C-alpha atoms as a PDB file:
ATOM      1  CA  MET A   1     104.834 107.409  58.967  1.00  0.00           C
ATOM      2  CA  ALA A   2     108.227 108.692  60.237  1.00  0.00           C
ATOM      3  CA  VAL A   3     108.172 109.074  64.057  1.00  0.00           C
ATOM      4  CA  SER A   4     110.314 111.739  65.460  1.00  0.00           C
ATOM      5  CA  LEU A   5     112.988 110.826  68.252  1.00  0.00           C
ATOM      6  CA  ASP A   6     111.319 113.291  70.647  1.00  0.00           C
ATOM      7  CA  LEU A   7     107.960 111.282  70.412  1.00  0.00           C
ATOM      8  CA  VAL A   8     109.858 108.221  70.988  1.00  0.00           C
ATOM      9  CA  LYS A   9     111.564 109.554  74.071  1.00  0.00           C
ATOM     10  CA  LYS A  10     108.288 110.837  75.372  1.00  0.00           C
ATOM     11  CA  LEU A  11     106.618 107.363  75.086  1.00  0.00           C
ATOM     12  CA  ARG A  12     109.724 105.802  76.630  1.00  0.00           C
ATOM     13  CA  GLU A  13     109.572 107.950  79.800  1.00  0.00           C
ATOM     14  CA  LEU A  14     105.700 107.485  79.909  1.00  0.00           C
ATOM     15  CA  SER A  15     105.776 103.678  79.504  1.00  0.00           C
ATOM     16  CA  GLY A  16     109.308 102.529  80.620  1.00  0.00           C
ATOM     17  CA  ALA A  17     109.292 100.347  77.573  1.00  0.00           C
ATOM     18  CA  GLY A  18     112.377  99.928  75.190  1.00  0.00           C
ATOM     19  CA  MET A  19     113.063 102.370  72.269  1.00  0.00           C
ATOM     20  CA  MET A  20     112.394  99.887  69.731  1.00  0.00           C
ATOM     21  CA  ASP A  21     108.991  98.870  71.310  1.00  0.00           C
ATOM     22  CA  CYS A  22     108.135 102.686  71.593  1.00  0.00           C
ATOM     23  CA  LYS A  23     108.952 103.286  67.906  1.00  0.00           C
ATOM     24  CA  GLN A  24     106.850 100.297  66.715  1.00  0.00           C
ATOM     25  CA  ALA A  25     104.022 101.290  68.699  1.00  0.00           C
ATOM     26  CA  LEU A  26     104.031 104.982  67.616  1.00  0.00           C
ATOM     27  CA  GLU A  27     104.178 103.951  63.974  1.00  0.00           C
ATOM     28  CA  GLU A  28     101.239 101.711  64.542  1.00  0.00           C
ATOM     29  CA  ALA A  29      99.308 104.458  66.274  1.00  0.00           C
ATOM     30  CA  GLU A  30     100.419 107.079  63.550  1.00  0.00           C
ATOM     31  CA  GLY A  31     102.169 109.307  66.019  1.00  0.00           C
ATOM     32  CA  ASP A  32      99.405 109.238  68.557  1.00  0.00           C
ATOM     33  CA  VAL A  33     101.203 109.009  72.047  1.00  0.00           C
ATOM     34  CA  GLU A  34      98.026 108.070  73.769  1.00  0.00           C
ATOM     35  CA  ARG A  35      97.104 105.431  71.480  1.00  0.00           C
ATOM     36  CA  ALA A  36     100.686 104.110  71.265  1.00  0.00           C
ATOM     37  CA  PHE A  37     100.752 103.902  75.175  1.00  0.00           C
ATOM     38  CA  THR A  38      97.546 101.800  75.122  1.00  0.00           C
ATOM     39  CA  ILE A  39      99.210  99.554  72.443  1.00  0.00           C
ATOM     40  CA  LEU A  40     102.300  99.002  74.630  1.00  0.00           C
ATOM     41  CA  ARG A  41      99.960  98.193  77.545  1.00  0.00           C
ATOM     42  CA  GLU A  42      98.220  95.660  75.831  1.00  0.00           C
ATOM     43  CA  LYS A  43     101.802  94.194  74.390  1.00  0.00           C
ATOM     44  CA  GLY A  44     102.931  94.430  78.089  1.00  0.00           C
ATOM     45  CA  ILE A  45     100.089  92.428  79.394  1.00  0.00           C
ATOM     46  CA  ALA A  46     100.683  89.835  76.659  1.00  0.00           C
ATOM     47  CA  LYS A  47     104.351  89.672  77.605  1.00  0.00           C
ATOM     48  CA  ALA A  48     103.564  89.393  81.215  1.00  0.00           C
ATOM     49  CA  SER A  49     101.409  86.343  80.811  1.00  0.00           C
ATOM     50  CA  LYS A  50     104.324  84.389  79.137  1.00  0.00           C
ATOM     51  CA  ARG A  51     106.410  85.245  82.340  1.00  0.00           C
ATOM     52  CA  ALA A  52     103.803  83.935  84.761  1.00  0.00           C
ATOM     53  CA  GLY A  53     105.285  80.639  85.273  1.00  0.00           C
ATOM     54  CA  ARG A  54     108.667  81.672  86.399  1.00  0.00           C
ATOM     55  CA  ALA A  55     109.767  81.174  89.906  1.00  0.00           C
ATOM     56  CA  THR A  56     109.836  84.303  92.044  1.00  0.00           C
ATOM     57  CA  GLY A  57     112.377  83.533  94.919  1.00  0.00           C
ATOM     58  CA  GLN A  58     113.388  87.177  95.594  1.00  0.00           C
ATOM     59  CA  GLY A  59     111.357  90.184  96.620  1.00  0.00           C
ATOM     60  CA  VAL A  60     110.591  92.672  99.508  1.00  0.00           C
ATOM     61  CA  VAL A  61     108.224  92.842 102.433  1.00  0.00           C
ATOM     62  CA  GLU A  62     106.760  96.373 102.288  1.00  0.00           C
ATOM     63  CA  ALA A  63     105.164  98.192 105.217  1.00  0.00           C
ATOM     64  CA  TYR A  64     102.856 101.158 105.247  1.00  0.00           C
ATOM     65  CA  LEU A  65     101.299 102.920 108.126  1.00  0.00           C
ATOM     66  CA  HIS A  66      98.389 105.473 107.706  1.00  0.00           C
ATOM     67  CA  ALA A  67      97.647 108.377 110.111  1.00  0.00           C
ATOM     68  CA  THR A  68      94.702 110.556 109.534  1.00  0.00           C
ATOM     69  CA  SER A  69      96.660 113.656 110.512  1.00  0.00           C
ATOM     70  CA  PRO A  70     100.434 114.356 111.435  1.00  0.00           C
ATOM     71  CA  ASP A  71      99.717 114.739 115.143  1.00  0.00           C
ATOM     72  CA  TYR A  72      97.885 111.676 115.454  1.00  0.00           C
ATOM     73  CA  PRO A  73      99.191 108.090 115.538  1.00  0.00           C
ATOM     74  CA  PRO A  74      98.860 105.498 112.805  1.00  0.00           C
ATOM     75  CA  GLN A  75      95.240 103.821 112.536  1.00  0.00           C
ATOM     76  CA  VAL A  76      95.864 101.583 109.620  1.00  0.00           C
ATOM     77  CA  GLY A  77      98.996  99.376 108.889  1.00  0.00           C
ATOM     78  CA  VAL A  78      99.928  97.000 106.107  1.00  0.00           C
ATOM     79  CA  LEU A  79     102.489  94.563 105.456  1.00  0.00           C
ATOM     80  CA  ILE A  80     102.743  92.965 101.966  1.00  0.00           C
ATOM     81  CA  GLU A  81     105.143  90.461 100.491  1.00  0.00           C
ATOM     82  CA  VAL A  82     105.802  91.171  96.828  1.00  0.00           C
ATOM     83  CA  ASN A  83     107.948  88.620  95.017  1.00  0.00           C
ATOM     84  CA  CYS A  84     110.281  88.792  91.854  1.00  0.00           C
ATOM     85  CA  GLU A  85     112.858  86.452  90.118  1.00  0.00           C
ATOM     86  CA  THR A  86     116.344  88.259  91.040  1.00  0.00           C
ATOM     87  CA  ASP A  87     117.662  90.249  93.818  1.00  0.00           C
ATOM     88  CA  PHE A  88     118.714  92.780  91.180  1.00  0.00           C
ATOM     89  CA  VAL A  89     115.111  93.694  90.499  1.00  0.00           C
ATOM     90  CA  ALA A  90     114.196  93.416  94.266  1.00  0.00           C
ATOM     91  CA  LYS A  91     116.595  96.305  94.910  1.00  0.00           C
ATOM     92  CA  SER A  92     115.626  98.509  91.985  1.00  0.00           C
ATOM     93  CA  PRO A  93     113.639 101.568  92.850  1.00  0.00           C
ATOM     94  CA  ASP A  94     110.964 100.691  90.394  1.00  0.00           C
ATOM     95  CA  PHE A  95     110.183  97.509  92.164  1.00  0.00           C
ATOM     96  CA  ARG A  96     110.231  99.248  95.685  1.00  0.00           C
ATOM     97  CA  ARG A  97     107.837 101.811  94.099  1.00  0.00           C
ATOM     98  CA  LEU A  98     105.494  99.136  92.920  1.00  0.00           C
ATOM     99  CA  SER A  99     105.844  97.355  96.285  1.00  0.00           C
ATOM    100  CA  LYS A 100     104.762 100.705  98.167  1.00  0.00           C
ATOM    101  CA  GLU A 101     101.851 101.339  95.735  1.00  0.00           C
ATOM    102  CA  LEU A 102     100.432  97.687  96.401  1.00  0.00           C
ATOM    103  CA  ALA A 103     100.693  98.551 100.166  1.00  0.00           C
ATOM    104  CA  LEU A 104      98.847 101.705  99.627  1.00  0.00           C
ATOM    105  CA  GLN A 105      96.189  99.921  97.603  1.00  0.00           C
ATOM    106  CA  VAL A 106      95.557  97.266 100.370  1.00  0.00           C
ATOM    107  CA  ALA A 107      95.393 100.014 103.026  1.00  0.00           C
ATOM    108  CA  GLY A 108      92.851 102.145 101.164  1.00  0.00           C
ATOM    109  CA  TYR A 109      90.726  99.499  99.445  1.00  0.00           C
ATOM    110  CA  GLU A 110      90.548  96.885 102.229  1.00  0.00           C
ATOM    111  CA  ALA A 111      91.336  93.893 100.112  1.00  0.00           C
ATOM    112  CA  ARG A 112      90.997  90.630 102.170  1.00  0.00           C
ATOM    113  CA  TRP A 113      92.513  88.048  99.683  1.00  0.00           C
ATOM    114  CA  VAL A 114      95.121  88.132  96.957  1.00  0.00           C
ATOM    115  CA  THR A 115      93.086  86.285  94.338  1.00  0.00           C
ATOM    116  CA  ARG A 116      89.687  84.792  94.072  1.00  0.00           C
ATOM    117  CA  ASP A 117      91.559  81.370  94.362  1.00  0.00           C
ATOM    118  CA  ASP A 118      92.374  82.331  97.896  1.00  0.00           C
ATOM    119  CA  VAL A 119      88.790  83.003  99.109  1.00  0.00           C
ATOM    120  CA  PRO A 120      87.611  80.118 101.320  1.00  0.00           C
ATOM    121  CA  ASP A 121      84.591  77.991  99.760  1.00  0.00           C
ATOM    122  CA  GLU A 122      82.649  78.621 103.232  1.00  0.00           C
ATOM    123  CA  VAL A 123      82.845  82.198 102.550  1.00  0.00           C
ATOM    124  CA  LEU A 124      81.296  81.958  99.319  1.00  0.00           C
ATOM    125  CA  VAL A 125      78.759  79.652 100.407  1.00  0.00           C
ATOM    126  CA  THR A 126      77.640  82.299 103.031  1.00  0.00           C
ATOM    127  CA  GLU A 127      77.670  85.115 100.689  1.00  0.00           C
ATOM    128  CA  ARG A 128      75.382  83.329  98.364  1.00  0.00           C
ATOM    129  CA  GLU A 129      73.013  82.374 100.928  1.00  0.00           C
ATOM    130  CA  VAL A 130      72.960  85.986 102.224  1.00  0.00           C
ATOM    131  CA  TYR A 131      72.281  87.306  98.552  1.00  0.00           C
ATOM    132  CA  GLU A 132      69.682  84.626  97.846  1.00  0.00           C
ATOM    133  CA  ALA A 133      67.794  85.427 101.157  1.00  0.00           C
ATOM    134  CA  LYS A 134      67.933  89.189 100.324  1.00  0.00           C
ATOM    135  CA  ALA A 135      66.627  88.674  96.872  1.00  0.00           C
ATOM    136  CA  ARG A 136      63.797  86.617  98.090  1.00  0.00           C
ATOM    137  CA  GLN A 137      62.838  89.113 100.754  1.00  0.00           C
ATOM    138  CA  ASP A 138      62.765  91.796  98.138  1.00  0.00           C
ATOM    139  CA  GLY A 139      60.250  89.815  96.113  1.00  0.00           C
ATOM    140  CA  LYS A 140      62.456  88.945  93.080  1.00  0.00           C
ATOM    141  CA  PRO A 141      61.009  86.276  90.711  1.00  0.00           C
ATOM    142  CA  GLU A 142      62.601  82.822  91.559  1.00  0.00           C
ATOM    143  CA  GLN A 143      63.873  82.369  87.862  1.00  0.00           C
ATOM    144  CA  VAL A 144      66.023  85.366  88.050  1.00  0.00           C
ATOM    145  CA  ILE A 145      67.524  84.843  91.630  1.00  0.00           C
ATOM    146  CA  PRO A 146      70.407  82.658  90.589  1.00  0.00           C
ATOM    147  CA  ARG A 147      71.528  85.430  88.039  1.00  0.00           C
ATOM    148  CA  ILE A 148      71.182  88.064  90.781  1.00  0.00           C
ATOM    149  CA  VAL A 149      73.110  86.053  93.297  1.00  0.00           C
ATOM    150  CA  GLU A 150      75.992  85.258  90.803  1.00  0.00           C
ATOM    151  CA  GLY A 151      76.118  88.932  89.960  1.00  0.00           C
ATOM    152  CA  GLN A 152      76.512  89.894  93.507  1.00  0.00           C
ATOM    153  CA  VAL A 153      79.247  87.251  94.248  1.00  0.00           C
ATOM    154  CA  GLU A 154      81.116  88.591  91.265  1.00  0.00           C
ATOM    155  CA  ASP A 155      81.005  92.095  92.815  1.00  0.00           C
ATOM    156  CA  PHE A 156      82.001  90.765  96.146  1.00  0.00           C
ATOM    157  CA  LEU A 157      85.108  89.062  94.694  1.00  0.00           C
ATOM    158  CA  LYS A 158      86.047  92.208  92.559  1.00  0.00           C
ATOM    159  CA  HIS A 159      85.995  94.293  95.777  1.00  0.00           C
ATOM    160  CA  SER A 160      87.680  91.872  98.108  1.00  0.00           C
ATOM    161  CA  CYS A 161      90.479  90.393  96.087  1.00  0.00           C
ATOM    162  CA  LEU A 162      93.480  92.495  95.533  1.00  0.00           C
ATOM    163  CA  MET A 163      94.192  91.421  91.964  1.00  0.00           C
ATOM    164  CA  GLU A 164      90.619  92.420  90.832  1.00  0.00           C
ATOM    165  CA  GLN A 165      90.278  95.808  92.456  1.00  0.00           C
ATOM    166  CA  PRO A 166      90.682  98.953  90.514  1.00  0.00           C
ATOM    167  CA  TYR A 167      93.956 100.355  90.820  1.00  0.00           C
ATOM    168  CA  PHE A 168      93.525 103.407  92.998  1.00  0.00           C
ATOM    169  CA  ARG A 169      95.659 105.824  90.715  1.00  0.00           C
ATOM    170  CA  GLU A 170      93.894 104.645  87.518  1.00  0.00           C
ATOM    171  CA  PRO A 171      90.667 103.048  88.292  1.00  0.00           C
ATOM    172  CA  SER A 172      90.123 102.068  84.564  1.00  0.00           C
ATOM    173  CA  HIS A 173      92.711  99.334  85.103  1.00  0.00           C
ATOM    174  CA  THR A 174      92.773  96.602  87.686  1.00  0.00           C
ATOM    175  CA  VAL A 175      95.710  96.039  90.139  1.00  0.00           C
ATOM    176  CA  GLN A 176      96.509  92.770  87.980  1.00  0.00           C
ATOM    177  CA  GLN A 177      97.031  94.838  84.899  1.00  0.00           C
ATOM    178  CA  PHE A 178      99.200  97.446  86.890  1.00  0.00           C
ATOM    179  CA  ILE A 179     101.396  94.698  87.975  1.00  0.00           C
ATOM    180  CA  ALA A 180     101.388  93.240  84.409  1.00  0.00           C
ATOM    181  CA  GLU A 181     102.713  96.547  83.134  1.00  0.00           C
ATOM    182  CA  ASN A 182     105.594  96.399  85.703  1.00  0.00           C
ATOM    183  CA  ILE A 183     106.469  92.872  84.593  1.00  0.00           C
ATOM    184  CA  SER A 184     106.788  94.173  81.207  1.00  0.00           C
ATOM    185  CA  LYS A 185     108.912  97.141  82.206  1.00  0.00           C
ATOM    186  CA  LEU A 186     111.174  95.052  84.841  1.00  0.00           C
ATOM    187  CA  GLN A 187     111.431  92.095  82.533  1.00  0.00           C
ATOM    188  CA  GLU A 188     110.580  89.526  85.298  1.00  0.00           C
ATOM    189  CA  ASN A 189     107.648  87.785  86.955  1.00  0.00           C
ATOM    190  CA  ILE A 190     106.241  89.525  89.843  1.00  0.00           C
ATOM    191  CA  THR A 191     103.567  88.163  92.341  1.00  0.00           C
ATOM    192  CA  VAL A 192     102.066  89.081  95.403  1.00  0.00           C
ATOM    193  CA  ARG A 193     102.433  86.319  97.871  1.00  0.00           C
ATOM    194  CA  ARG A 194     100.449  87.479 100.859  1.00  0.00           C
ATOM    195  CA  PHE A 195      99.581  90.641 102.894  1.00  0.00           C
ATOM    196  CA  ALA A 196      98.187  91.543 106.283  1.00  0.00           C
ATOM    197  CA  ARG A 197      96.036  94.676 107.063  1.00  0.00           C
ATOM    198  CA  PHE A 198      95.657  96.055 110.554  1.00  0.00           C
ATOM    199  CA  ASN A 199      92.903  98.565 111.621  1.00  0.00           C
ATOM    200  CA  ILE A 200      92.563  99.524 115.098  1.00  0.00           C
ATOM    201  CA  ARG A 201      88.793  99.864 114.673  1.00  0.00           C
ATOM    202  CA  GLU A 202      88.342  96.332 113.607  1.00  0.00           C
ATOM    203  CA  THR A 203      87.596  93.548 116.203  1.00  0.00           C
END
């Protein structure tokens, strides 16, 4: 079907993708902007995976301070290092917005590690022991305890690892998918190297 220029522009503004990509997605979606946006997301994630091996020697260290009210000092602070390939992208408003969003995510969702590969083995051992003991205490049958434990460990990782958390502005997508969309938009590999979260209530 023929796709109007207005629809193409609307999708381009929504997605940040190129005009031709938007036109093709709209044709595939038969003019449905939401479906076309989903198609671009899927293609964006595929493109992002191809860029995953590229070196990321540039980037920013973003800071965020959170106060519960204007007349009260900040109680939570975050520093996060987000890397990209070139200083051109590092200086761009889109990359800075992405970095700020990731800092907000860490502040609000209390991530402890970037990916599950960063979780120390001893932490997983301890978590499994706790879940197993709780399952036995609850009287669960022995044959189902391993499945219960693995499910709870998986939930723990999704809560504790930044890349696997739901993105706070769009919970149907993970932070990893949100970054992948920005990789497609900015045409560079983007990685989170590390972060630190401070909360005065934590000991």
